[in-house]
Amino acid sequence: MNFRETTIKYLKDILRSKTIAEVIQVELEQAHLRKLEAETAAEYAYATIQYNDERIARLQKRLAQHAGEDKHD
């Protein structure tokens, strides 16, 4: 196939109506992609929660250790 034939075939393919199966396949691929994106966001959120839980515990421990040091009577 030369460039002209390839271009004509490409244009005809773009302009033709898609079959129901093709439309469903595209939507299915999009759903898989959105699911992967949501799973990534959930993993990130979970890691952020864990990080802040550990940070809170560390800061509360430090605060308890230094509770009496700020009093200057």
C-alpha atoms as a PDB file:
ATOM      1  CA  MET A   1       0.000   0.000   0.000  1.00  0.00           C
ATOM      2  CA  ASN A   2       1.339   3.404  -0.882  1.00  0.00           C
ATOM      3  CA  PHE A   3       0.864   6.643   1.028  1.00  0.00           C
ATOM      4  CA  ARG A   4      -2.233   7.691  -0.942  1.00  0.00           C
ATOM      5  CA  GLU A   5      -4.009   4.371  -0.426  1.00  0.00           C
ATOM      6  CA  THR A   6      -3.107   4.331   3.247  1.00  0.00           C
ATOM      7  CA  THR A   7      -4.391   7.873   3.704  1.00  0.00           C
ATOM      8  CA  ILE A   8      -7.668   7.135   1.922  1.00  0.00           C
ATOM      9  CA  LYS A   9      -8.177   3.972   3.990  1.00  0.00           C
ATOM     10  CA  TYR A  10      -7.444   5.923   7.177  1.00  0.00           C
ATOM     11  CA  LEU A  11      -9.931   8.672   6.296  1.00  0.00           C
ATOM     12  CA  LYS A  12     -12.636   6.182   5.361  1.00  0.00           C
ATOM     13  CA  ASP A  13     -12.083   4.377   8.653  1.00  0.00           C
ATOM     14  CA  ILE A  14     -12.393   7.600  10.641  1.00  0.00           C
ATOM     15  CA  LEU A  15     -15.536   8.739   8.850  1.00  0.00           C
ATOM     16  CA  ARG A  16     -17.446   5.459   8.928  1.00  0.00           C
ATOM     17  CA  SER A  17     -19.910   4.741  11.706  1.00  0.00           C
ATOM     18  CA  LYS A  18     -18.505   2.574  14.455  1.00  0.00           C
ATOM     19  CA  THR A  19     -20.127  -0.748  15.237  1.00  0.00           C
ATOM     20  CA  ILE A  20     -21.710  -1.362  18.612  1.00  0.00           C
ATOM     21  CA  ALA A  21     -18.872  -3.772  19.448  1.00  0.00           C
ATOM     22  CA  GLU A  22     -16.268  -1.090  18.650  1.00  0.00           C
ATOM     23  CA  VAL A  23     -18.059   1.481  20.820  1.00  0.00           C
ATOM     24  CA  ILE A  24     -18.335  -1.012  23.691  1.00  0.00           C
ATOM     25  CA  GLN A  25     -14.639  -1.949  23.332  1.00  0.00           C
ATOM     26  CA  VAL A  26     -13.578   1.705  23.569  1.00  0.00           C
ATOM     27  CA  GLU A  27     -15.766   2.250  26.643  1.00  0.00           C
ATOM     28  CA  LEU A  28     -14.413  -0.927  28.240  1.00  0.00           C
ATOM     29  CA  GLU A  29     -10.828   0.244  27.714  1.00  0.00           C
ATOM     30  CA  GLN A  30     -11.705   3.614  29.256  1.00  0.00           C
ATOM     31  CA  ALA A  31     -13.307   1.893  32.262  1.00  0.00           C
ATOM     32  CA  HIS A  32     -10.167  -0.204  32.820  1.00  0.00           C
ATOM     33  CA  LEU A  33      -8.019   2.931  32.647  1.00  0.00           C
ATOM     34  CA  ARG A  34     -10.243   4.844  35.103  1.00  0.00           C
ATOM     35  CA  LYS A  35     -10.149   1.860  37.490  1.00  0.00           C
ATOM     36  CA  LEU A  36      -6.343   1.805  37.391  1.00  0.00           C
ATOM     37  CA  GLU A  37      -6.250   5.540  38.048  1.00  0.00           C
ATOM     38  CA  ALA A  38      -8.644   5.153  40.995  1.00  0.00           C
ATOM     39  CA  GLU A  39      -6.567   2.300  42.435  1.00  0.00           C
ATOM     40  CA  THR A  40      -3.453   4.468  42.191  1.00  0.00           C
ATOM     41  CA  ALA A  41      -5.247   7.321  43.965  1.00  0.00           C
ATOM     42  CA  ALA A  42      -6.474   4.937  46.687  1.00  0.00           C
ATOM     43  CA  GLU A  43      -2.958   3.569  47.228  1.00  0.00           C
ATOM     44  CA  TYR A  44      -1.602   7.101  47.516  1.00  0.00           C
ATOM     45  CA  ALA A  45      -4.347   8.114  49.950  1.00  0.00           C
ATOM     46  CA  TYR A  46      -3.731   5.025  52.088  1.00  0.00           C
ATOM     47  CA  ALA A  47       0.013   5.763  52.193  1.00  0.00           C
ATOM     48  CA  THR A  48      -0.732   9.362  53.196  1.00  0.00           C
ATOM     49  CA  ILE A  49      -2.995   8.156  56.011  1.00  0.00           C
ATOM     50  CA  GLN A  50      -0.319   5.767  57.279  1.00  0.00           C
ATOM     51  CA  TYR A  51       2.334   8.493  57.116  1.00  0.00           C
ATOM     52  CA  ASN A  52       0.202  10.931  59.102  1.00  0.00           C
ATOM     53  CA  ASP A  53      -0.802   8.280  61.676  1.00  0.00           C
ATOM     54  CA  GLU A  54       2.883   7.576  62.329  1.00  0.00           C
ATOM     55  CA  ARG A  55       3.668  11.297  62.388  1.00  0.00           C
ATOM     56  CA  ILE A  56       0.883  11.985  64.907  1.00  0.00           C
ATOM     57  CA  ALA A  57       2.107   9.163  67.166  1.00  0.00           C
ATOM     58  CA  ARG A  58       5.693  10.451  66.981  1.00  0.00           C
ATOM     59  CA  LEU A  59       4.673  14.038  67.730  1.00  0.00           C
ATOM     60  CA  GLN A  60       2.419  13.020  70.631  1.00  0.00           C
ATOM     61  CA  LYS A  61       5.298  11.013  72.117  1.00  0.00           C
ATOM     62  CA  ARG A  62       7.660  13.983  71.760  1.00  0.00           C
ATOM     63  CA  LEU A  63       5.097  16.318  73.285  1.00  0.00           C
ATOM     64  CA  ALA A  64       4.710  14.010  76.285  1.00  0.00           C
ATOM     65  CA  GLN A  65       8.506  13.831  76.718  1.00  0.00           C
ATOM     66  CA  HIS A  66       8.832  17.611  76.747  1.00  0.00           C
ATOM     67  CA  ALA A  67       5.631  18.447  78.627  1.00  0.00           C
ATOM     68  CA  GLY A  68       7.315  20.069  81.626  1.00  0.00           C
ATOM     69  CA  GLU A  69      10.156  21.838  79.855  1.00  0.00           C
ATOM     70  CA  ASP A  70       8.214  24.941  78.720  1.00  0.00           C
ATOM     71  CA  LYS A  71       7.280  26.087  82.239  1.00  0.00           C
ATOM     72  CA  HIS A  72       9.485  28.978  83.354  1.00  0.00           C
ATOM     73  CA  ASP A  73       8.216  29.901  86.859  1.00  0.00           C
END
